[in-house]
Amino acid sequence: MDQGYVLQISRQAMEVALMVSLPMLAVSLFVGILVSVFQAATSIQEMTLTFVPKLIGMAIVIVFMGSWMLTTLVSFAHFCLVQAGNANIFSG
């Protein structure tokens, strides 16, 4: 295994991590902005008002996209294990 191949797998790992986390991060961002606008308009400064809607939004994302996230992670892990099995790491 040369350095270029290891860097390629590392890049793929970062891409997979970004793809899997992006839906939850985006929902959390948009819900946070909506709640902030609501708080600014109504002058309500309750801390739990920002926390609970984000949890609900992320739970909805996990319900609808959880299987895709898990499939993506499992396929990448399978790819890594196959590549590690194919690499002749014990030869000097």
Foldseek 3Di string as FASTA:
>chain_A
DDPVVVVVLVVVVVVLVCVLCVVLVVQLVVLQVVLVVVCVVVVDDDPVSSVVVSVVSSVVCCVVCVVVNVVSVVVSVVVVVVVVVPDPVPDD
